[in-house]
Amino acid sequence: MCRKCGKVKQENLPWLVDNTFYTKRFAFSVGRKCRSMTIKDVAKEVRLDWKTVKAMDKWYMEEQLRRAKKARPVVVGIDELSVRKGHTYRIVVSDLEKHRPIWFGGKDRSEESLDMFYQWLGKRQCARLRLAVMDMWKAFEKSTRKNAPGAAILYDKFHVIRHLGEALDKIRKQEYARLSG
């Protein structure tokens, strides 16, 4: 308590993250681990709760974005990230040539949320985009075609293989029914 004014004051310690239970150095270390491991595995390794590790990873990503220079991507990767249970998502956009995230935001995984990224990027930078890699989410495709018409769209391998597998199963069932019918 301050003797002059009688108020309780809190000292600002620049080496602590917003949450005073861990240092920035530790949060940075955990964030680096999350680049190559799952959040669950990192939580197990550092013996912390999953939610705490996820908060540190989020802080780490925001800090990386803050430190980075203005993005000038030519090839971007677009994906969604679940921020809590109940289908609450945010969009993460990465510069695939520089291997770094450049934008994290939106209110969900809608077309309007991805439009926010393209507005942030600006018309001039959108015109520079040559390739956008994404899953087969229609909202991402629509927003990209609208805001970066010169960019080619490449779907990620996982989703393409999954759809091919589903189509193959459908044909197998039809052929089985036809032959056994």
C-alpha atoms as a PDB file:
ATOM      1  CA  MET A   1       0.000   0.000   0.000  1.00  0.00           C
ATOM      2  CA  CYS A   2       1.266   3.471  -0.896  1.00  0.00           C
ATOM      3  CA  ARG A   3       1.958   5.552   2.193  1.00  0.00           C
ATOM      4  CA  LYS A   4       1.181   8.811   0.393  1.00  0.00           C
ATOM      5  CA  CYS A   5      -2.142   8.034  -1.316  1.00  0.00           C
ATOM      6  CA  GLY A   6      -3.238   4.947   0.623  1.00  0.00           C
ATOM      7  CA  LYS A   7      -3.942   2.928  -2.566  1.00  0.00           C
ATOM      8  CA  VAL A   8      -2.747  -0.563  -3.375  1.00  0.00           C
ATOM      9  CA  LYS A   9      -0.446  -0.520  -6.378  1.00  0.00           C
ATOM     10  CA  GLN A  10       0.850  -3.342  -8.508  1.00  0.00           C
ATOM     11  CA  GLU A  11       4.322  -3.245  -9.967  1.00  0.00           C
ATOM     12  CA  ASN A  12       4.623  -3.940 -13.679  1.00  0.00           C
ATOM     13  CA  LEU A  13       7.178  -6.679 -14.349  1.00  0.00           C
ATOM     14  CA  PRO A  14       7.975  -6.675 -18.090  1.00  0.00           C
ATOM     15  CA  TRP A  15       9.270 -10.254 -18.086  1.00  0.00           C
ATOM     16  CA  LEU A  16       5.850 -11.650 -17.077  1.00  0.00           C
ATOM     17  CA  VAL A  17       3.089 -12.480 -19.519  1.00  0.00           C
ATOM     18  CA  ASP A  18      -0.369 -10.976 -18.839  1.00  0.00           C
ATOM     19  CA  ASN A  19      -0.964 -13.986 -16.605  1.00  0.00           C
ATOM     20  CA  THR A  20       1.516 -13.599 -13.755  1.00  0.00           C
ATOM     21  CA  PHE A  21       1.899 -17.340 -13.149  1.00  0.00           C
ATOM     22  CA  TYR A  22       4.570 -17.801 -15.819  1.00  0.00           C
ATOM     23  CA  THR A  23       7.303 -15.790 -17.494  1.00  0.00           C
ATOM     24  CA  LYS A  24       7.454 -14.702 -21.117  1.00  0.00           C
ATOM     25  CA  ARG A  25      10.555 -16.841 -21.555  1.00  0.00           C
ATOM     26  CA  PHE A  26       8.672 -19.964 -20.416  1.00  0.00           C
ATOM     27  CA  ALA A  27       5.608 -19.125 -22.556  1.00  0.00           C
ATOM     28  CA  PHE A  28       7.894 -18.607 -25.551  1.00  0.00           C
ATOM     29  CA  SER A  29       9.509 -21.993 -24.939  1.00  0.00           C
ATOM     30  CA  VAL A  30       6.106 -23.688 -24.713  1.00  0.00           C
ATOM     31  CA  GLY A  31       4.971 -21.895 -27.896  1.00  0.00           C
ATOM     32  CA  ARG A  32       8.021 -23.177 -29.781  1.00  0.00           C
ATOM     33  CA  LYS A  33       7.246 -26.711 -28.629  1.00  0.00           C
ATOM     34  CA  CYS A  34       3.670 -26.331 -29.924  1.00  0.00           C
ATOM     35  CA  ARG A  35       5.052 -25.764 -33.419  1.00  0.00           C
ATOM     36  CA  SER A  36       6.114 -29.406 -33.673  1.00  0.00           C
ATOM     37  CA  MET A  37       3.968 -31.162 -31.046  1.00  0.00           C
ATOM     38  CA  THR A  38       0.298 -31.310 -30.176  1.00  0.00           C
ATOM     39  CA  ILE A  39      -0.955 -29.136 -27.336  1.00  0.00           C
ATOM     40  CA  LYS A  40      -1.852 -32.288 -25.409  1.00  0.00           C
ATOM     41  CA  ASP A  41       1.703 -33.658 -25.719  1.00  0.00           C
ATOM     42  CA  VAL A  42       3.267 -30.331 -24.716  1.00  0.00           C
ATOM     43  CA  ALA A  43       0.941 -30.106 -21.693  1.00  0.00           C
ATOM     44  CA  LYS A  44       2.004 -33.591 -20.638  1.00  0.00           C
ATOM     45  CA  GLU A  45       5.697 -32.778 -21.085  1.00  0.00           C
ATOM     46  CA  VAL A  46       5.642 -29.496 -19.141  1.00  0.00           C
ATOM     47  CA  ARG A  47       3.085 -30.840 -16.639  1.00  0.00           C
ATOM     48  CA  LEU A  48       0.522 -28.123 -17.148  1.00  0.00           C
ATOM     49  CA  ASP A  49      -3.179 -28.059 -17.904  1.00  0.00           C
ATOM     50  CA  TRP A  50      -4.146 -28.257 -21.574  1.00  0.00           C
ATOM     51  CA  LYS A  51      -5.930 -24.876 -21.377  1.00  0.00           C
ATOM     52  CA  THR A  52      -2.843 -23.193 -19.923  1.00  0.00           C
ATOM     53  CA  VAL A  53      -0.651 -24.526 -22.738  1.00  0.00           C
ATOM     54  CA  LYS A  54      -3.229 -23.421 -25.318  1.00  0.00           C
ATOM     55  CA  ALA A  55      -3.225 -19.894 -23.806  1.00  0.00           C
ATOM     56  CA  MET A  56       0.585 -19.829 -23.971  1.00  0.00           C
ATOM     57  CA  ASP A  57       0.520 -20.997 -27.579  1.00  0.00           C
ATOM     58  CA  LYS A  58      -1.999 -18.286 -28.458  1.00  0.00           C
ATOM     59  CA  TRP A  59       0.202 -15.657 -26.756  1.00  0.00           C
ATOM     60  CA  TYR A  60       3.227 -17.032 -28.635  1.00  0.00           C
ATOM     61  CA  MET A  61       1.440 -16.760 -32.008  1.00  0.00           C
ATOM     62  CA  GLU A  62       0.266 -13.210 -31.255  1.00  0.00           C
ATOM     63  CA  GLU A  63       3.798 -12.263 -30.201  1.00  0.00           C
ATOM     64  CA  GLN A  64       5.205 -13.708 -33.436  1.00  0.00           C
ATOM     65  CA  LEU A  65       2.725 -11.632 -35.430  1.00  0.00           C
ATOM     66  CA  ARG A  66       3.571  -8.491 -33.441  1.00  0.00           C
ATOM     67  CA  ARG A  67       7.313  -8.924 -34.019  1.00  0.00           C
ATOM     68  CA  ALA A  68       7.023  -9.735 -37.717  1.00  0.00           C
ATOM     69  CA  LYS A  69       7.272  -7.153 -40.463  1.00  0.00           C
ATOM     70  CA  LYS A  70       4.236  -6.301 -42.559  1.00  0.00           C
ATOM     71  CA  ALA A  71       3.220  -9.369 -44.517  1.00  0.00           C
ATOM     72  CA  ARG A  72       3.771  -9.458 -48.278  1.00  0.00           C
ATOM     73  CA  PRO A  73       2.705 -13.026 -49.066  1.00  0.00           C
ATOM     74  CA  VAL A  74       2.502 -14.619 -52.486  1.00  0.00           C
ATOM     75  CA  VAL A  75       1.454 -18.088 -51.253  1.00  0.00           C
ATOM     76  CA  VAL A  76      -0.889 -18.379 -48.261  1.00  0.00           C
ATOM     77  CA  GLY A  77      -2.250 -21.273 -46.258  1.00  0.00           C
ATOM     78  CA  ILE A  78      -5.724 -20.829 -44.751  1.00  0.00           C
ATOM     79  CA  ASP A  79      -7.101 -22.976 -41.948  1.00  0.00           C
ATOM     80  CA  GLU A  80      -9.361 -22.742 -38.931  1.00  0.00           C
ATOM     81  CA  LEU A  81      -8.418 -23.267 -35.302  1.00  0.00           C
ATOM     82  CA  SER A  82     -10.866 -24.363 -32.613  1.00  0.00           C
ATOM     83  CA  VAL A  83     -10.585 -21.966 -29.692  1.00  0.00           C
ATOM     84  CA  ARG A  84     -13.038 -23.755 -27.390  1.00  0.00           C
ATOM     85  CA  LYS A  85     -15.527 -26.599 -27.377  1.00  0.00           C
ATOM     86  CA  GLY A  86     -18.828 -26.051 -29.130  1.00  0.00           C
ATOM     87  CA  HIS A  87     -17.545 -25.240 -32.600  1.00  0.00           C
ATOM     88  CA  THR A  88     -15.976 -21.850 -31.852  1.00  0.00           C
ATOM     89  CA  TYR A  89     -13.345 -21.145 -34.487  1.00  0.00           C
ATOM     90  CA  ARG A  90     -10.840 -18.499 -35.572  1.00  0.00           C
ATOM     91  CA  ILE A  91      -8.999 -18.365 -38.865  1.00  0.00           C
ATOM     92  CA  VAL A  92      -5.223 -18.666 -39.150  1.00  0.00           C
ATOM     93  CA  VAL A  93      -3.500 -17.516 -42.328  1.00  0.00           C
ATOM     94  CA  SER A  94       0.162 -18.349 -42.919  1.00  0.00           C
ATOM     95  CA  ASP A  95       2.766 -17.208 -45.409  1.00  0.00           C
ATOM     96  CA  LEU A  96       3.820 -20.600 -46.767  1.00  0.00           C
ATOM     97  CA  GLU A  97       7.042 -19.325 -48.318  1.00  0.00           C
ATOM     98  CA  LYS A  98       8.323 -17.740 -45.099  1.00  0.00           C
ATOM     99  CA  HIS A  99       6.806 -20.478 -42.905  1.00  0.00           C
ATOM    100  CA  ARG A 100       5.115 -18.104 -40.472  1.00  0.00           C
ATOM    101  CA  PRO A 101       1.622 -17.102 -39.439  1.00  0.00           C
ATOM    102  CA  ILE A 102       0.592 -13.661 -40.678  1.00  0.00           C
ATOM    103  CA  TRP A 103      -3.007 -13.298 -39.453  1.00  0.00           C
ATOM    104  CA  PHE A 104      -5.180 -14.756 -36.709  1.00  0.00           C
ATOM    105  CA  GLY A 105      -8.757 -13.593 -36.306  1.00  0.00           C
ATOM    106  CA  GLY A 106     -12.328 -13.500 -37.430  1.00  0.00           C
ATOM    107  CA  LYS A 107     -15.344 -14.400 -35.364  1.00  0.00           C
ATOM    108  CA  ASP A 108     -15.830 -17.870 -36.850  1.00  0.00           C
ATOM    109  CA  ARG A 109     -14.889 -19.715 -40.043  1.00  0.00           C
ATOM    110  CA  SER A 110     -17.302 -17.853 -42.303  1.00  0.00           C
ATOM    111  CA  GLU A 111     -16.736 -16.023 -45.558  1.00  0.00           C
ATOM    112  CA  GLU A 112     -17.127 -12.692 -43.720  1.00  0.00           C
ATOM    113  CA  SER A 113     -14.369 -13.638 -41.273  1.00  0.00           C
ATOM    114  CA  LEU A 114     -11.928 -14.469 -44.073  1.00  0.00           C
ATOM    115  CA  ASP A 115     -12.953 -11.227 -45.795  1.00  0.00           C
ATOM    116  CA  MET A 116     -11.550  -9.492 -42.691  1.00  0.00           C
ATOM    117  CA  PHE A 117      -8.125 -10.977 -43.527  1.00  0.00           C
ATOM    118  CA  TYR A 118      -8.268  -9.749 -47.112  1.00  0.00           C
ATOM    119  CA  GLN A 119      -9.313  -6.270 -45.918  1.00  0.00           C
ATOM    120  CA  TRP A 120      -6.369  -6.293 -43.491  1.00  0.00           C
ATOM    121  CA  LEU A 121      -4.040  -7.374 -46.301  1.00  0.00           C
ATOM    122  CA  GLY A 122      -5.256  -4.664 -48.689  1.00  0.00           C
ATOM    123  CA  LYS A 123      -6.240  -4.726 -52.362  1.00  0.00           C
ATOM    124  CA  ARG A 124      -2.689  -4.282 -53.591  1.00  0.00           C
ATOM    125  CA  GLN A 125      -1.374  -7.262 -51.632  1.00  0.00           C
ATOM    126  CA  CYS A 126      -4.422  -9.360 -52.590  1.00  0.00           C
ATOM    127  CA  ALA A 127      -3.511  -8.797 -56.227  1.00  0.00           C
ATOM    128  CA  ARG A 128      -0.014 -10.204 -55.502  1.00  0.00           C
ATOM    129  CA  LEU A 129      -1.394 -13.515 -54.202  1.00  0.00           C
ATOM    130  CA  ARG A 130      -0.689 -16.364 -56.616  1.00  0.00           C
ATOM    131  CA  LEU A 131      -1.742 -19.418 -54.573  1.00  0.00           C
ATOM    132  CA  ALA A 132      -4.059 -20.104 -51.633  1.00  0.00           C
ATOM    133  CA  VAL A 133      -3.864 -23.529 -49.972  1.00  0.00           C
ATOM    134  CA  MET A 134      -6.936 -24.504 -47.945  1.00  0.00           C
ATOM    135  CA  ASP A 135      -9.292 -27.286 -47.021  1.00  0.00           C
ATOM    136  CA  MET A 136     -12.486 -27.706 -49.043  1.00  0.00           C
ATOM    137  CA  TRP A 137     -14.520 -25.278 -46.923  1.00  0.00           C
ATOM    138  CA  LYS A 138     -16.786 -23.381 -49.350  1.00  0.00           C
ATOM    139  CA  ALA A 139     -16.651 -20.119 -47.366  1.00  0.00           C
ATOM    140  CA  PHE A 140     -12.848 -19.973 -47.713  1.00  0.00           C
ATOM    141  CA  GLU A 141     -13.047 -20.646 -51.439  1.00  0.00           C
ATOM    142  CA  LYS A 142     -15.756 -18.008 -52.024  1.00  0.00           C
ATOM    143  CA  SER A 143     -13.905 -15.330 -50.081  1.00  0.00           C
ATOM    144  CA  THR A 144     -10.616 -16.082 -51.852  1.00  0.00           C
ATOM    145  CA  ARG A 145     -12.189 -16.030 -55.322  1.00  0.00           C
ATOM    146  CA  LYS A 146     -13.912 -12.726 -54.493  1.00  0.00           C
ATOM    147  CA  ASN A 147     -10.941 -10.937 -52.881  1.00  0.00           C
ATOM    148  CA  ALA A 148      -7.950 -12.475 -54.695  1.00  0.00           C
ATOM    149  CA  PRO A 149      -9.251 -13.509 -58.123  1.00  0.00           C
ATOM    150  CA  GLY A 150      -5.731 -13.978 -59.498  1.00  0.00           C
ATOM    151  CA  ALA A 151      -4.842 -16.594 -56.902  1.00  0.00           C
ATOM    152  CA  ALA A 152      -5.074 -20.276 -57.745  1.00  0.00           C
ATOM    153  CA  ILE A 153      -6.711 -22.463 -55.107  1.00  0.00           C
ATOM    154  CA  LEU A 154      -5.064 -25.704 -54.005  1.00  0.00           C
ATOM    155  CA  TYR A 155      -6.964 -28.066 -51.723  1.00  0.00           C
ATOM    156  CA  ASP A 156      -5.012 -29.888 -49.057  1.00  0.00           C
ATOM    157  CA  LYS A 157      -4.242 -33.567 -49.646  1.00  0.00           C
ATOM    158  CA  PHE A 158      -6.117 -34.862 -46.584  1.00  0.00           C
ATOM    159  CA  HIS A 159      -9.491 -33.537 -47.755  1.00  0.00           C
ATOM    160  CA  VAL A 160      -8.988 -34.613 -51.378  1.00  0.00           C
ATOM    161  CA  ILE A 161      -8.112 -38.181 -50.299  1.00  0.00           C
ATOM    162  CA  ARG A 162     -11.096 -38.285 -47.918  1.00  0.00           C
ATOM    163  CA  HIS A 163     -13.511 -37.287 -50.703  1.00  0.00           C
ATOM    164  CA  LEU A 164     -11.949 -39.797 -53.100  1.00  0.00           C
ATOM    165  CA  GLY A 165     -12.338 -42.524 -50.462  1.00  0.00           C
ATOM    166  CA  GLU A 166     -16.004 -41.623 -49.953  1.00  0.00           C
ATOM    167  CA  ALA A 167     -16.642 -41.691 -53.707  1.00  0.00           C
ATOM    168  CA  LEU A 168     -14.887 -45.051 -54.019  1.00  0.00           C
ATOM    169  CA  ASP A 169     -16.997 -46.502 -51.169  1.00  0.00           C
ATOM    170  CA  LYS A 170     -20.171 -45.281 -52.869  1.00  0.00           C
ATOM    171  CA  ILE A 171     -19.208 -46.963 -56.161  1.00  0.00           C
ATOM    172  CA  ARG A 172     -18.260 -50.193 -54.352  1.00  0.00           C
ATOM    173  CA  LYS A 173     -21.681 -50.301 -52.678  1.00  0.00           C
ATOM    174  CA  GLN A 174     -23.438 -49.682 -55.991  1.00  0.00           C
ATOM    175  CA  GLU A 175     -21.455 -52.399 -57.744  1.00  0.00           C
ATOM    176  CA  TYR A 176     -22.002 -54.833 -54.886  1.00  0.00           C
ATOM    177  CA  ALA A 177     -25.768 -54.179 -55.022  1.00  0.00           C
ATOM    178  CA  ARG A 178     -25.798 -54.515 -58.824  1.00  0.00           C
ATOM    179  CA  LEU A 179     -23.859 -57.795 -58.834  1.00  0.00           C
ATOM    180  CA  SER A 180     -25.641 -59.414 -55.893  1.00  0.00           C
ATOM    181  CA  GLY A 181     -29.087 -58.059 -56.940  1.00  0.00           C
END
